[in-house]
C-alpha atoms as a PDB file:
ATOM      1  CA  UNK A   1       0.000   0.000   0.000  1.00  0.00           C
ATOM      2  CA  UNK A   2       2.890   2.346   0.769  1.00  0.00           C
ATOM      3  CA  UNK A   3       4.182   1.950  -2.796  1.00  0.00           C
ATOM      4  CA  UNK A   4       0.749   2.893  -4.205  1.00  0.00           C
ATOM      5  CA  UNK A   5       0.601   6.006  -2.004  1.00  0.00           C
ATOM      6  CA  UNK A   6       4.122   7.046  -3.055  1.00  0.00           C
ATOM      7  CA  UNK A   7       3.152   6.679  -6.721  1.00  0.00           C
ATOM      8  CA  UNK A   8       0.027   8.801  -6.228  1.00  0.00           C
ATOM      9  CA  UNK A   9       1.982  11.458  -4.311  1.00  0.00           C
ATOM     10  CA  UNK A  10       4.620  11.755  -7.056  1.00  0.00           C
ATOM     11  CA  UNK A  11       2.200  11.857  -9.989  1.00  0.00           C
ATOM     12  CA  UNK A  12       2.134  15.410 -11.422  1.00  0.00           C
ATOM     13  CA  UNK A  13      -1.400  15.137 -12.871  1.00  0.00           C
ATOM     14  CA  UNK A  14      -3.029  14.160  -9.559  1.00  0.00           C
ATOM     15  CA  UNK A  15      -4.277  17.061  -7.441  1.00  0.00           C
ATOM     16  CA  UNK A  16      -5.690  14.992  -4.586  1.00  0.00           C
ATOM     17  CA  UNK A  17      -6.864  11.545  -3.646  1.00  0.00           C
ATOM     18  CA  UNK A  18      -8.743   9.804  -0.879  1.00  0.00           C
ATOM     19  CA  UNK A  19      -8.443   6.114  -0.023  1.00  0.00           C
ATOM     20  CA  UNK A  20     -10.737   4.296   2.368  1.00  0.00           C
ATOM     21  CA  UNK A  21      -9.926   0.733   3.419  1.00  0.00           C
ATOM     22  CA  UNK A  22     -12.784  -0.988   5.219  1.00  0.00           C
ATOM     23  CA  UNK A  23     -11.769  -4.320   6.752  1.00  0.00           C
ATOM     24  CA  UNK A  24     -14.941  -6.401   6.778  1.00  0.00           C
ATOM     25  CA  UNK A  25     -13.357  -9.571   8.187  1.00  0.00           C
ATOM     26  CA  UNK A  26      -9.989 -11.314   8.336  1.00  0.00           C
ATOM     27  CA  UNK A  27     -10.402 -12.334   4.672  1.00  0.00           C
ATOM     28  CA  UNK A  28     -12.579  -9.539   3.204  1.00  0.00           C
ATOM     29  CA  UNK A  29     -11.808  -5.860   2.527  1.00  0.00           C
ATOM     30  CA  UNK A  30     -13.614  -3.056   0.730  1.00  0.00           C
ATOM     31  CA  UNK A  31     -11.435  -0.449  -0.992  1.00  0.00           C
ATOM     32  CA  UNK A  32     -12.848   2.884  -2.123  1.00  0.00           C
ATOM     33  CA  UNK A  33     -10.689   5.499  -3.808  1.00  0.00           C
ATOM     34  CA  UNK A  34     -11.346   8.867  -5.373  1.00  0.00           C
ATOM     35  CA  UNK A  35      -8.701  10.662  -7.443  1.00  0.00           C
ATOM     36  CA  UNK A  36      -8.977  14.253  -8.677  1.00  0.00           C
ATOM     37  CA  UNK A  37      -6.830  15.256 -11.648  1.00  0.00           C
ATOM     38  CA  UNK A  38      -5.474  18.683 -12.662  1.00  0.00           C
ATOM     39  CA  UNK A  39      -8.088  19.041 -15.414  1.00  0.00           C
ATOM     40  CA  UNK A  40     -10.875  18.697 -12.817  1.00  0.00           C
ATOM     41  CA  UNK A  41     -11.800  15.162 -13.811  1.00  0.00           C
ATOM     42  CA  UNK A  42     -12.249  12.439 -11.204  1.00  0.00           C
ATOM     43  CA  UNK A  43     -11.818   8.692 -11.115  1.00  0.00           C
ATOM     44  CA  UNK A  44     -13.650   6.781  -8.418  1.00  0.00           C
ATOM     45  CA  UNK A  45     -13.341   3.106  -7.818  1.00  0.00           C
ATOM     46  CA  UNK A  46     -14.551   0.496  -5.415  1.00  0.00           C
ATOM     47  CA  UNK A  47     -13.283  -3.052  -5.008  1.00  0.00           C
ATOM     48  CA  UNK A  48     -14.489  -5.832  -2.736  1.00  0.00           C
ATOM     49  CA  UNK A  49     -11.595  -8.270  -2.318  1.00  0.00           C
ATOM     50  CA  UNK A  50     -11.467 -11.637  -0.574  1.00  0.00           C
ATOM     51  CA  UNK A  51      -8.390 -13.641   0.347  1.00  0.00           C
ATOM     52  CA  UNK A  52      -8.641 -17.327  -0.477  1.00  0.00           C
ATOM     53  CA  UNK A  53      -6.178 -20.240  -0.415  1.00  0.00           C
ATOM     54  CA  UNK A  54      -5.548 -19.501  -4.128  1.00  0.00           C
ATOM     55  CA  UNK A  55      -4.758 -15.810  -3.518  1.00  0.00           C
ATOM     56  CA  UNK A  56      -6.824 -12.635  -3.813  1.00  0.00           C
ATOM     57  CA  UNK A  57     -10.216 -12.702  -5.518  1.00  0.00           C
ATOM     58  CA  UNK A  58     -11.986  -9.525  -6.675  1.00  0.00           C
ATOM     59  CA  UNK A  59     -15.667 -10.129  -5.921  1.00  0.00           C
ATOM     60  CA  UNK A  60     -17.014  -6.761  -7.065  1.00  0.00           C
ATOM     61  CA  UNK A  61     -15.518  -3.728  -8.753  1.00  0.00           C
ATOM     62  CA  UNK A  62     -16.619  -0.375 -10.086  1.00  0.00           C
ATOM     63  CA  UNK A  63     -14.558   2.245 -11.915  1.00  0.00           C
ATOM     64  CA  UNK A  64     -16.237   5.528 -12.818  1.00  0.00           C
ATOM     65  CA  UNK A  65     -14.672   8.505 -14.590  1.00  0.00           C
ATOM     66  CA  UNK A  66     -16.280  11.963 -14.684  1.00  0.00           C
ATOM     67  CA  UNK A  67     -15.187  15.290 -16.105  1.00  0.00           C
ATOM     68  CA  UNK A  68     -16.776  18.647 -15.263  1.00  0.00           C
ATOM     69  CA  UNK A  69     -19.407  16.783 -13.223  1.00  0.00           C
ATOM     70  CA  UNK A  70     -20.444  14.869 -16.368  1.00  0.00           C
ATOM     71  CA  UNK A  71     -20.316  11.107 -16.514  1.00  0.00           C
ATOM     72  CA  UNK A  72     -17.756   9.830 -19.056  1.00  0.00           C
ATOM     73  CA  UNK A  73     -17.646   6.073 -18.454  1.00  0.00           C
ATOM     74  CA  UNK A  74     -18.299   3.357 -15.915  1.00  0.00           C
ATOM     75  CA  UNK A  75     -16.877  -0.137 -15.863  1.00  0.00           C
ATOM     76  CA  UNK A  76     -18.136  -2.633 -13.281  1.00  0.00           C
ATOM     77  CA  UNK A  77     -19.335  -6.129 -12.505  1.00  0.00           C
ATOM     78  CA  UNK A  78     -22.015  -5.050 -10.009  1.00  0.00           C
ATOM     79  CA  UNK A  79     -25.465  -6.197 -11.130  1.00  0.00           C
ATOM     80  CA  UNK A  80     -27.817  -3.394 -12.120  1.00  0.00           C
ATOM     81  CA  UNK A  81     -31.556  -4.217 -12.314  1.00  0.00           C
ATOM     82  CA  UNK A  82     -32.182  -1.540 -14.969  1.00  0.00           C
ATOM     83  CA  UNK A  83     -29.246  -2.676 -17.134  1.00  0.00           C
ATOM     84  CA  UNK A  84     -30.301  -6.327 -16.794  1.00  0.00           C
ATOM     85  CA  UNK A  85     -33.848  -5.412 -17.840  1.00  0.00           C
ATOM     86  CA  UNK A  86     -32.580  -3.433 -20.849  1.00  0.00           C
ATOM     87  CA  UNK A  87     -30.466  -6.390 -21.972  1.00  0.00           C
ATOM     88  CA  UNK A  88     -33.216  -8.960 -21.569  1.00  0.00           C
ATOM     89  CA  UNK A  89     -35.777  -6.893 -23.542  1.00  0.00           C
ATOM     90  CA  UNK A  90     -33.430  -6.062 -26.421  1.00  0.00           C
END
């Protein structure tokens, strides 16, 4: 984690960042990060990670990028009832 923080601190295009690590149990953590860039855009992400005997497993993730308070893209594996309905009726 220290290496990640050092990389963020040294990056000239990052204005600020916030990282929240929520330890849910001895094998489950929730990471939430928000990064603000010099151009005013933001990248937010959330990852739910579980440790197993085979290593780390990403159970859920969400990456969302916005610029000037306008949504640009979102990439996730979190089920969305509206999206699922749109897909099934297409």
